[in-house]
PDB file of N, CA and C in Angstrom:
ATOM      1  N   MET A   1     -23.520 -15.068 -15.094  1.00  0.00           N
ATOM      2  CA  MET A   1     -23.022 -14.139 -14.077  1.00  0.00           C
ATOM      3  C   MET A   1     -24.125 -13.929 -13.047  1.00  0.00           C
ATOM      4  N   SER A   2     -23.806 -14.240 -11.792  1.00  0.00           N
ATOM      5  CA  SER A   2     -24.762 -14.047 -10.709  1.00  0.00           C
ATOM      6  C   SER A   2     -24.126 -13.178  -9.632  1.00  0.00           C
ATOM      7  N   LEU A   3     -24.962 -12.628  -8.784  1.00  0.00           N
ATOM      8  CA  LEU A   3     -24.481 -11.802  -7.678  1.00  0.00           C
ATOM      9  C   LEU A   3     -23.556 -12.623  -6.769  1.00  0.00           C
ATOM     10  N   ALA A   4     -23.960 -13.847  -6.459  1.00  0.00           N
ATOM     11  CA  ALA A   4     -23.146 -14.696  -5.595  1.00  0.00           C
ATOM     12  C   ALA A   4     -21.779 -14.976  -6.233  1.00  0.00           C
ATOM     13  N   HIS A   5     -21.760 -15.216  -7.517  1.00  0.00           N
ATOM     14  CA  HIS A   5     -20.502 -15.482  -8.216  1.00  0.00           C
ATOM     15  C   HIS A   5     -19.586 -14.253  -8.172  1.00  0.00           C
ATOM     16  N   GLU A   6     -20.153 -13.097  -8.424  1.00  0.00           N
ATOM     17  CA  GLU A   6     -19.350 -11.862  -8.390  1.00  0.00           C
ATOM     18  C   GLU A   6     -18.850 -11.581  -6.981  1.00  0.00           C
ATOM     19  N   ARG A   7     -19.666 -11.862  -5.967  1.00  0.00           N
ATOM     20  CA  ARG A   7     -19.224 -11.669  -4.581  1.00  0.00           C
ATOM     21  C   ARG A   7     -18.107 -12.653  -4.228  1.00  0.00           C
ATOM     22  N   ASP A   8     -18.194 -13.870  -4.750  1.00  0.00           N
ATOM     23  CA  ASP A   8     -17.107 -14.835  -4.538  1.00  0.00           C
ATOM     24  C   ASP A   8     -15.802 -14.310  -5.135  1.00  0.00           C
ATOM     25  N   LYS A   9     -15.904 -13.673  -6.284  1.00  0.00           N
ATOM     26  CA  LYS A   9     -14.709 -13.103  -6.914  1.00  0.00           C
ATOM     27  C   LYS A   9     -14.127 -11.983  -6.046  1.00  0.00           C
ATOM     28  N   ILE A  10     -14.999 -11.134  -5.508  1.00  0.00           N
ATOM     29  CA  ILE A  10     -14.552 -10.062  -4.605  1.00  0.00           C
ATOM     30  C   ILE A  10     -13.880 -10.670  -3.375  1.00  0.00           C
ATOM     31  N   ASP A  11     -14.468 -11.709  -2.806  1.00  0.00           N
ATOM     32  CA  ASP A  11     -13.884 -12.364  -1.628  1.00  0.00           C
ATOM     33  C   ASP A  11     -12.485 -12.895  -1.937  1.00  0.00           C
ATOM     34  N   ALA A  12     -12.314 -13.482  -3.109  1.00  0.00           N
ATOM     35  CA  ALA A  12     -11.002 -14.011  -3.499  1.00  0.00           C
ATOM     36  C   ALA A  12      -9.990 -12.874  -3.664  1.00  0.00           C
ATOM     37  N   ILE A  13     -10.420 -11.791  -4.268  1.00  0.00           N
ATOM     38  CA  ILE A  13      -9.543 -10.623  -4.426  1.00  0.00           C
ATOM     39  C   ILE A  13      -9.182 -10.048  -3.065  1.00  0.00           C
ATOM     40  N   ASN A  14     -10.161  -9.950  -2.164  1.00  0.00           N
ATOM     41  CA  ASN A  14      -9.884  -9.447  -0.817  1.00  0.00           C
ATOM     42  C   ASN A  14      -8.845 -10.307  -0.119  1.00  0.00           C
ATOM     43  N   HIS A  15      -8.945 -11.613  -0.279  1.00  0.00           N
ATOM     44  CA  HIS A  15      -7.965 -12.520   0.326  1.00  0.00           C
ATOM     45  C   HIS A  15      -6.566 -12.220  -0.212  1.00  0.00           C
ATOM     46  N   GLN A  16      -6.462 -12.034  -1.523  1.00  0.00           N
ATOM     47  CA  GLN A  16      -5.169 -11.723  -2.125  1.00  0.00           C
ATOM     48  C   GLN A  16      -4.642 -10.383  -1.618  1.00  0.00           C
ATOM     49  N   LEU A  17      -5.520  -9.394  -1.507  1.00  0.00           N
ATOM     50  CA  LEU A  17      -5.106  -8.082  -1.016  1.00  0.00           C
ATOM     51  C   LEU A  17      -4.566  -8.167   0.409  1.00  0.00           C
ATOM     52  N   VAL A  18      -5.256  -8.932   1.260  1.00  0.00           N
ATOM     53  CA  VAL A  18      -4.795  -9.074   2.644  1.00  0.00           C
ATOM     54  C   VAL A  18      -3.417  -9.728   2.681  1.00  0.00           C
ATOM     55  N   GLU A  19      -3.227 -10.782   1.891  1.00  0.00           N
ATOM     56  CA  GLU A  19      -1.931 -11.438   1.849  1.00  0.00           C
ATOM     57  C   GLU A  19      -0.840 -10.462   1.387  1.00  0.00           C
ATOM     58  N   LEU A  20      -1.135  -9.678   0.369  1.00  0.00           N
ATOM     59  CA  LEU A  20      -0.156  -8.693  -0.129  1.00  0.00           C
ATOM     60  C   LEU A  20       0.107  -7.598   0.901  1.00  0.00           C
ATOM     61  N   LEU A  21      -0.923  -7.158   1.594  1.00  0.00           N
ATOM     62  CA  LEU A  21      -0.734  -6.128   2.627  1.00  0.00           C
ATOM     63  C   LEU A  21       0.123  -6.661   3.771  1.00  0.00           C
ATOM     64  N   LEU A  22      -0.103  -7.917   4.152  1.00  0.00           N
ATOM     65  CA  LEU A  22       0.739  -8.503   5.188  1.00  0.00           C
ATOM     66  C   LEU A  22       2.200  -8.541   4.739  1.00  0.00           C
ATOM     67  N   GLN A  23       2.440  -8.890   3.498  1.00  0.00           N
ATOM     68  CA  GLN A  23       3.795  -8.880   2.953  1.00  0.00           C
ATOM     69  C   GLN A  23       4.368  -7.472   2.973  1.00  0.00           C
ATOM     70  N   ARG A  24       3.556  -6.498   2.570  1.00  0.00           N
ATOM     71  CA  ARG A  24       4.015  -5.112   2.517  1.00  0.00           C
ATOM     72  C   ARG A  24       4.406  -4.608   3.911  1.00  0.00           C
ATOM     73  N   PHE A  25       3.576  -4.913   4.919  1.00  0.00           N
ATOM     74  CA  PHE A  25       3.897  -4.485   6.276  1.00  0.00           C
ATOM     75  C   PHE A  25       5.186  -5.154   6.757  1.00  0.00           C
ATOM     76  N   SER A  26       5.394  -6.403   6.409  1.00  0.00           N
ATOM     77  CA  SER A  26       6.610  -7.102   6.807  1.00  0.00           C
ATOM     78  C   SER A  26       7.846  -6.446   6.189  1.00  0.00           C
ATOM     79  N   VAL A  27       7.775  -6.121   4.919  1.00  0.00           N
ATOM     80  CA  VAL A  27       8.897  -5.450   4.250  1.00  0.00           C
ATOM     81  C   VAL A  27       9.108  -4.060   4.848  1.00  0.00           C
ATOM     82  N   ALA A  28       8.020  -3.353   5.126  1.00  0.00           N
ATOM     83  CA  ALA A  28       8.134  -2.023   5.727  1.00  0.00           C
ATOM     84  C   ALA A  28       8.804  -2.099   7.098  1.00  0.00           C
ATOM     85  N   ASP A  29       8.511  -3.157   7.865  1.00  0.00           N
ATOM     86  CA  ASP A  29       9.180  -3.344   9.159  1.00  0.00           C
ATOM     87  C   ASP A  29      10.687  -3.494   8.972  1.00  0.00           C
ATOM     88  N   LYS A  30      11.084  -4.274   7.970  1.00  0.00           N
ATOM     89  CA  LYS A  30      12.508  -4.459   7.695  1.00  0.00           C
ATOM     90  C   LYS A  30      13.163  -3.151   7.273  1.00  0.00           C
ATOM     91  N   ILE A  31      12.458  -2.381   6.446  1.00  0.00           N
ATOM     92  CA  ILE A  31      12.979  -1.073   6.016  1.00  0.00           C
ATOM     93  C   ILE A  31      13.132  -0.158   7.218  1.00  0.00           C
ATOM     94  N   SER A  32      12.160  -0.179   8.117  1.00  0.00           N
ATOM     95  CA  SER A  32      12.231   0.645   9.325  1.00  0.00           C
ATOM     96  C   SER A  32      13.445   0.281  10.162  1.00  0.00           C
ATOM     97  N   GLN A  33      13.717  -1.011  10.300  1.00  0.00           N
ATOM     98  CA  GLN A  33      14.886  -1.455  11.058  1.00  0.00           C
ATOM     99  C   GLN A  33      16.184  -0.994  10.391  1.00  0.00           C
ATOM    100  N   LEU A  34      16.226  -1.079   9.059  1.00  0.00           N
ATOM    101  CA  LEU A  34      17.418  -0.625   8.337  1.00  0.00           C
ATOM    102  C   LEU A  34      17.616   0.870   8.500  1.00  0.00           C
ATOM    103  N   LYS A  35      16.535   1.625   8.423  1.00  0.00           N
ATOM    104  CA  LYS A  35      16.634   3.084   8.599  1.00  0.00           C
ATOM    105  C   LYS A  35      17.154   3.417   9.992  1.00  0.00           C
ATOM    106  N   GLN A  36      16.614   2.726  11.004  1.00  0.00           N
ATOM    107  CA  GLN A  36      17.071   2.982  12.377  1.00  0.00           C
ATOM    108  C   GLN A  36      18.548   2.656  12.521  1.00  0.00           C
ATOM    109  N   ALA A  37      18.956   1.538  11.945  1.00  0.00           N
ATOM    110  CA  ALA A  37      20.366   1.130  12.043  1.00  0.00           C
ATOM    111  C   ALA A  37      21.297   2.120  11.361  1.00  0.00           C
ATOM    112  N   GLU A  38      20.806   2.762  10.299  1.00  0.00           N
ATOM    113  CA  GLU A  38      21.624   3.711   9.553  1.00  0.00           C
ATOM    114  C   GLU A  38      21.401   5.159  10.005  1.00  0.00           C
ATOM    115  N   GLY A  39      20.555   5.334  11.011  1.00  0.00           N
ATOM    116  CA  GLY A  39      20.293   6.674  11.529  1.00  0.00           C
ATOM    117  C   GLY A  39      19.481   7.556  10.577  1.00  0.00           C
ATOM    118  N   LEU A  40      18.689   6.926   9.733  1.00  0.00           N
ATOM    119  CA  LEU A  40      17.875   7.683   8.772  1.00  0.00           C
ATOM    120  C   LEU A  40      16.497   7.953   9.344  1.00  0.00           C
ATOM    121  N   PRO A  41      15.868   9.057   8.940  1.00  0.00           N
ATOM    122  CA  PRO A  41      14.519   9.345   9.444  1.00  0.00           C
ATOM    123  C   PRO A  41      13.512   8.335   8.878  1.00  0.00           C
ATOM    124  N   ILE A  42      12.516   8.022   9.690  1.00  0.00           N
ATOM    125  CA  ILE A  42      11.457   7.100   9.259  1.00  0.00           C
ATOM    126  C   ILE A  42      10.646   7.735   8.136  1.00  0.00           C
ATOM    127  N   LEU A  43      10.294   8.989   8.307  1.00  0.00           N
ATOM    128  CA  LEU A  43       9.463   9.677   7.311  1.00  0.00           C
ATOM    129  C   LEU A  43      10.319  10.136   6.138  1.00  0.00           C
ATOM    130  N   ASN A  44       9.790   9.883   4.932  1.00  0.00           N
ATOM    131  CA  ASN A  44      10.472  10.303   3.722  1.00  0.00           C
ATOM    132  C   ASN A  44       9.420  10.792   2.724  1.00  0.00           C
ATOM    133  N   PRO A  45       9.048  12.070   2.816  1.00  0.00           N
ATOM    134  CA  PRO A  45       8.004  12.600   1.931  1.00  0.00           C
ATOM    135  C   PRO A  45       8.326  12.428   0.447  1.00  0.00           C
ATOM    136  N   GLN A  46       9.595  12.493   0.075  1.00  0.00           N
ATOM    137  CA  GLN A  46       9.974  12.317  -1.324  1.00  0.00           C
ATOM    138  C   GLN A  46       9.624  10.897  -1.796  1.00  0.00           C
ATOM    139  N   ARG A  47       9.893   9.913  -0.963  1.00  0.00           N
ATOM    140  CA  ARG A  47       9.579   8.521  -1.319  1.00  0.00           C
ATOM    141  C   ARG A  47       8.066   8.342  -1.460  1.00  0.00           C
ATOM    142  N   GLU A  48       7.303   8.955  -0.554  1.00  0.00           N
ATOM    143  CA  GLU A  48       5.848   8.858  -0.640  1.00  0.00           C
ATOM    144  C   GLU A  48       5.341   9.469  -1.949  1.00  0.00           C
ATOM    145  N   ALA A  49       5.907  10.588  -2.346  1.00  0.00           N
ATOM    146  CA  ALA A  49       5.522  11.220  -3.609  1.00  0.00           C
ATOM    147  C   ALA A  49       5.873  10.310  -4.788  1.00  0.00           C
ATOM    148  N   GLU A  50       7.039   9.665  -4.714  1.00  0.00           N
ATOM    149  CA  GLU A  50       7.452   8.736  -5.771  1.00  0.00           C
ATOM    150  C   GLU A  50       6.458   7.572  -5.887  1.00  0.00           C
ATOM    151  N   VAL A  51       6.023   7.049  -4.743  1.00  0.00           N
ATOM    152  CA  VAL A  51       5.061   5.940  -4.748  1.00  0.00           C
ATOM    153  C   VAL A  51       3.783   6.368  -5.457  1.00  0.00           C
ATOM    154  N   LEU A  52       3.283   7.553  -5.120  1.00  0.00           N
ATOM    155  CA  LEU A  52       2.036   8.023  -5.737  1.00  0.00           C
ATOM    156  C   LEU A  52       2.195   8.288  -7.231  1.00  0.00           C
ATOM    157  N   THR A  53       3.359   8.778  -7.625  1.00  0.00           N
ATOM    158  CA  THR A  53       3.626   8.984  -9.046  1.00  0.00           C
ATOM    159  C   THR A  53       3.645   7.647  -9.782  1.00  0.00           C
ATOM    160  N   LYS A  54       4.240   6.635  -9.163  1.00  0.00           N
ATOM    161  CA  LYS A  54       4.254   5.306  -9.773  1.00  0.00           C
ATOM    162  C   LYS A  54       2.831   4.747  -9.901  1.00  0.00           C
ATOM    163  N   ILE A  55       2.000   5.026  -8.910  1.00  0.00           N
ATOM    164  CA  ILE A  55       0.601   4.576  -8.968  1.00  0.00           C
ATOM    165  C   ILE A  55      -0.101   5.212 -10.155  1.00  0.00           C
ATOM    166  N   GLU A  56       0.147   6.498 -10.368  1.00  0.00           N
ATOM    167  CA  GLU A  56      -0.442   7.178 -11.535  1.00  0.00           C
ATOM    168  C   GLU A  56      -0.010   6.493 -12.836  1.00  0.00           C
ATOM    169  N   THR A  57       1.252   6.125 -12.900  1.00  0.00           N
ATOM    170  CA  THR A  57       1.769   5.450 -14.101  1.00  0.00           C
ATOM    171  C   THR A  57       1.117   4.075 -14.270  1.00  0.00           C
ATOM    172  N   ILE A  58       1.048   3.333 -13.193  1.00  0.00           N
ATOM    173  CA  ILE A  58       0.480   1.987 -13.255  1.00  0.00           C
ATOM    174  C   ILE A  58      -0.987   2.026 -13.661  1.00  0.00           C
ATOM    175  N   THR A  59      -1.740   2.979 -13.122  1.00  0.00           N
ATOM    176  CA  THR A  59      -3.177   3.034 -13.430  1.00  0.00           C
ATOM    177  C   THR A  59      -3.445   3.609 -14.816  1.00  0.00           C
ATOM    178  N   ASN A  60      -2.443   4.267 -15.393  1.00  0.00           N
ATOM    179  CA  ASN A  60      -2.501   4.694 -16.788  1.00  0.00           C
ATOM    180  C   ASN A  60      -3.780   5.438 -17.174  1.00  0.00           C
ATOM    181  N   GLY A  61      -4.115   6.454 -16.409  1.00  0.00           N
ATOM    182  CA  GLY A  61      -5.264   7.285 -16.755  1.00  0.00           C
ATOM    183  C   GLY A  61      -6.613   6.676 -16.453  1.00  0.00           C
ATOM    184  N   SER A  62      -6.650   5.638 -15.644  1.00  0.00           N
ATOM    185  CA  SER A  62      -7.903   5.000 -15.274  1.00  0.00           C
ATOM    186  C   SER A  62      -8.813   5.990 -14.548  1.00  0.00           C
ATOM    187  N   ALA A  63     -10.092   5.772 -14.670  1.00  0.00           N
ATOM    188  CA  ALA A  63     -11.066   6.590 -13.945  1.00  0.00           C
ATOM    189  C   ALA A  63     -10.921   6.389 -12.428  1.00  0.00           C
ATOM    190  N   TYR A  64     -10.204   5.343 -12.026  1.00  0.00           N
ATOM    191  CA  TYR A  64     -10.049   5.016 -10.607  1.00  0.00           C
ATOM    192  C   TYR A  64      -8.721   5.490 -10.018  1.00  0.00           C
ATOM    193  N   THR A  65      -7.921   6.190 -10.785  1.00  0.00           N
ATOM    194  CA  THR A  65      -6.587   6.596 -10.330  1.00  0.00           C
ATOM    195  C   THR A  65      -6.619   7.326  -9.002  1.00  0.00           C
ATOM    196  N   GLU A  66      -7.431   8.333  -8.870  1.00  0.00           N
ATOM    197  CA  GLU A  66      -7.449   9.116  -7.625  1.00  0.00           C
ATOM    198  C   GLU A  66      -7.902   8.279  -6.439  1.00  0.00           C
ATOM    199  N   TYR A  67      -8.839   7.362  -6.664  1.00  0.00           N
ATOM    200  CA  TYR A  67      -9.299   6.479  -5.587  1.00  0.00           C
ATOM    201  C   TYR A  67      -8.165   5.557  -5.140  1.00  0.00           C
ATOM    202  N   ILE A  68      -7.459   5.018  -6.107  1.00  0.00           N
ATOM    203  CA  ILE A  68      -6.361   4.107  -5.802  1.00  0.00           C
ATOM    204  C   ILE A  68      -5.226   4.857  -5.101  1.00  0.00           C
ATOM    205  N   LYS A  69      -4.942   6.064  -5.548  1.00  0.00           N
ATOM    206  CA  LYS A  69      -3.915   6.870  -4.873  1.00  0.00           C
ATOM    207  C   LYS A  69      -4.315   7.111  -3.411  1.00  0.00           C
ATOM    208  N   GLN A  70      -5.578   7.388  -3.169  1.00  0.00           N
ATOM    209  CA  GLN A  70      -6.036   7.621  -1.791  1.00  0.00           C
ATOM    210  C   GLN A  70      -5.886   6.358  -0.950  1.00  0.00           C
ATOM    211  N   ILE A  71      -6.137   5.213  -1.547  1.00  0.00           N
ATOM    212  CA  ILE A  71      -5.935   3.951  -0.831  1.00  0.00           C
ATOM    213  C   ILE A  71      -4.468   3.822  -0.439  1.00  0.00           C
ATOM    214  N   PHE A  72      -3.567   4.177  -1.343  1.00  0.00           N
ATOM    215  CA  PHE A  72      -2.135   4.083  -1.029  1.00  0.00           C
ATOM    216  C   PHE A  72      -1.712   5.117   0.004  1.00  0.00           C
ATOM    217  N   VAL A  73      -2.316   6.276   0.014  1.00  0.00           N
ATOM    218  CA  VAL A  73      -2.042   7.256   1.080  1.00  0.00           C
ATOM    219  C   VAL A  73      -2.423   6.637   2.423  1.00  0.00           C
ATOM    220  N   THR A  74      -3.585   5.991   2.460  1.00  0.00           N
ATOM    221  CA  THR A  74      -4.025   5.331   3.690  1.00  0.00           C
ATOM    222  C   THR A  74      -3.071   4.213   4.077  1.00  0.00           C
ATOM    223  N   ILE A  75      -2.659   3.406   3.120  1.00  0.00           N
ATOM    224  CA  ILE A  75      -1.723   2.316   3.405  1.00  0.00           C
ATOM    225  C   ILE A  75      -0.425   2.878   3.975  1.00  0.00           C
ATOM    226  N   MET A  76       0.097   3.936   3.360  1.00  0.00           N
ATOM    227  CA  MET A  76       1.341   4.521   3.855  1.00  0.00           C
ATOM    228  C   MET A  76       1.162   5.097   5.249  1.00  0.00           C
ATOM    229  N   ASN A  77       0.015   5.740   5.508  1.00  0.00           N
ATOM    230  CA  ASN A  77      -0.240   6.293   6.844  1.00  0.00           C
ATOM    231  C   ASN A  77      -0.322   5.186   7.885  1.00  0.00           C
ATOM    232  N   GLU A  78      -0.992   4.103   7.566  1.00  0.00           N
ATOM    233  CA  GLU A  78      -1.104   2.990   8.505  1.00  0.00           C
ATOM    234  C   GLU A  78       0.250   2.313   8.711  1.00  0.00           C
ATOM    235  N   THR A  79       1.058   2.257   7.669  1.00  0.00           N
ATOM    236  CA  THR A  79       2.402   1.689   7.800  1.00  0.00           C
ATOM    237  C   THR A  79       3.233   2.541   8.751  1.00  0.00           C
ATOM    238  N   LYS A  80       3.135   3.859   8.616  1.00  0.00           N
ATOM    239  CA  LYS A  80       3.881   4.740   9.539  1.00  0.00           C
ATOM    240  C   LYS A  80       3.432   4.526  10.968  1.00  0.00           C
ATOM    241  N   LYS A  81       2.133   4.353  11.174  1.00  0.00           N
ATOM    242  CA  LYS A  81       1.631   4.089  12.528  1.00  0.00           C
ATOM    243  C   LYS A  81       2.222   2.798  13.064  1.00  0.00           C
ATOM    244  N   SER A  82       2.303   1.786  12.223  1.00  0.00           N
ATOM    245  CA  SER A  82       2.822   0.489  12.682  1.00  0.00           C
ATOM    246  C   SER A  82       4.306   0.590  13.029  1.00  0.00           C
ATOM    247  N   GLU A  83       5.022   1.491  12.373  1.00  0.00           N
ATOM    248  CA  GLU A  83       6.454   1.662  12.662  1.00  0.00           C
ATOM    249  C   GLU A  83       6.675   2.364  13.990  1.00  0.00           C
ATOM    250  N   ASP A  84       5.650   3.051  14.484  1.00  0.00           N
ATOM    251  CA  ASP A  84       5.760   3.765  15.765  1.00  0.00           C
ATOM    252  C   ASP A  84       5.480   2.848  16.962  1.00  0.00           C
ATOM    253  N   LYS A  85       5.100   1.610  16.695  1.00  0.00           N
ATOM    254  CA  LYS A  85       4.714   0.702  17.788  1.00  0.00           C
ATOM    255  C   LYS A  85       5.859   0.302  18.669  1.00  0.00           C
TER     256      LYS A  85
END
């Protein structure tokens, strides 16, 4: 195990995260279009709470749960900004 090897692993994970985030934004765009077509509000605080609850379940009591939840709050906030474009 070397520093360079571990950094390569982080770089690979970052690449995967970017690909997944691009997919997530694309799906969010489609959801936004569907909401507009159906006359539904873009903001849905209940759905955001559900997402965070699911994150708690997925992380299963990890020491990183709160950090990961905060990352998802940021992702949701940035997604809302992108829907306003």
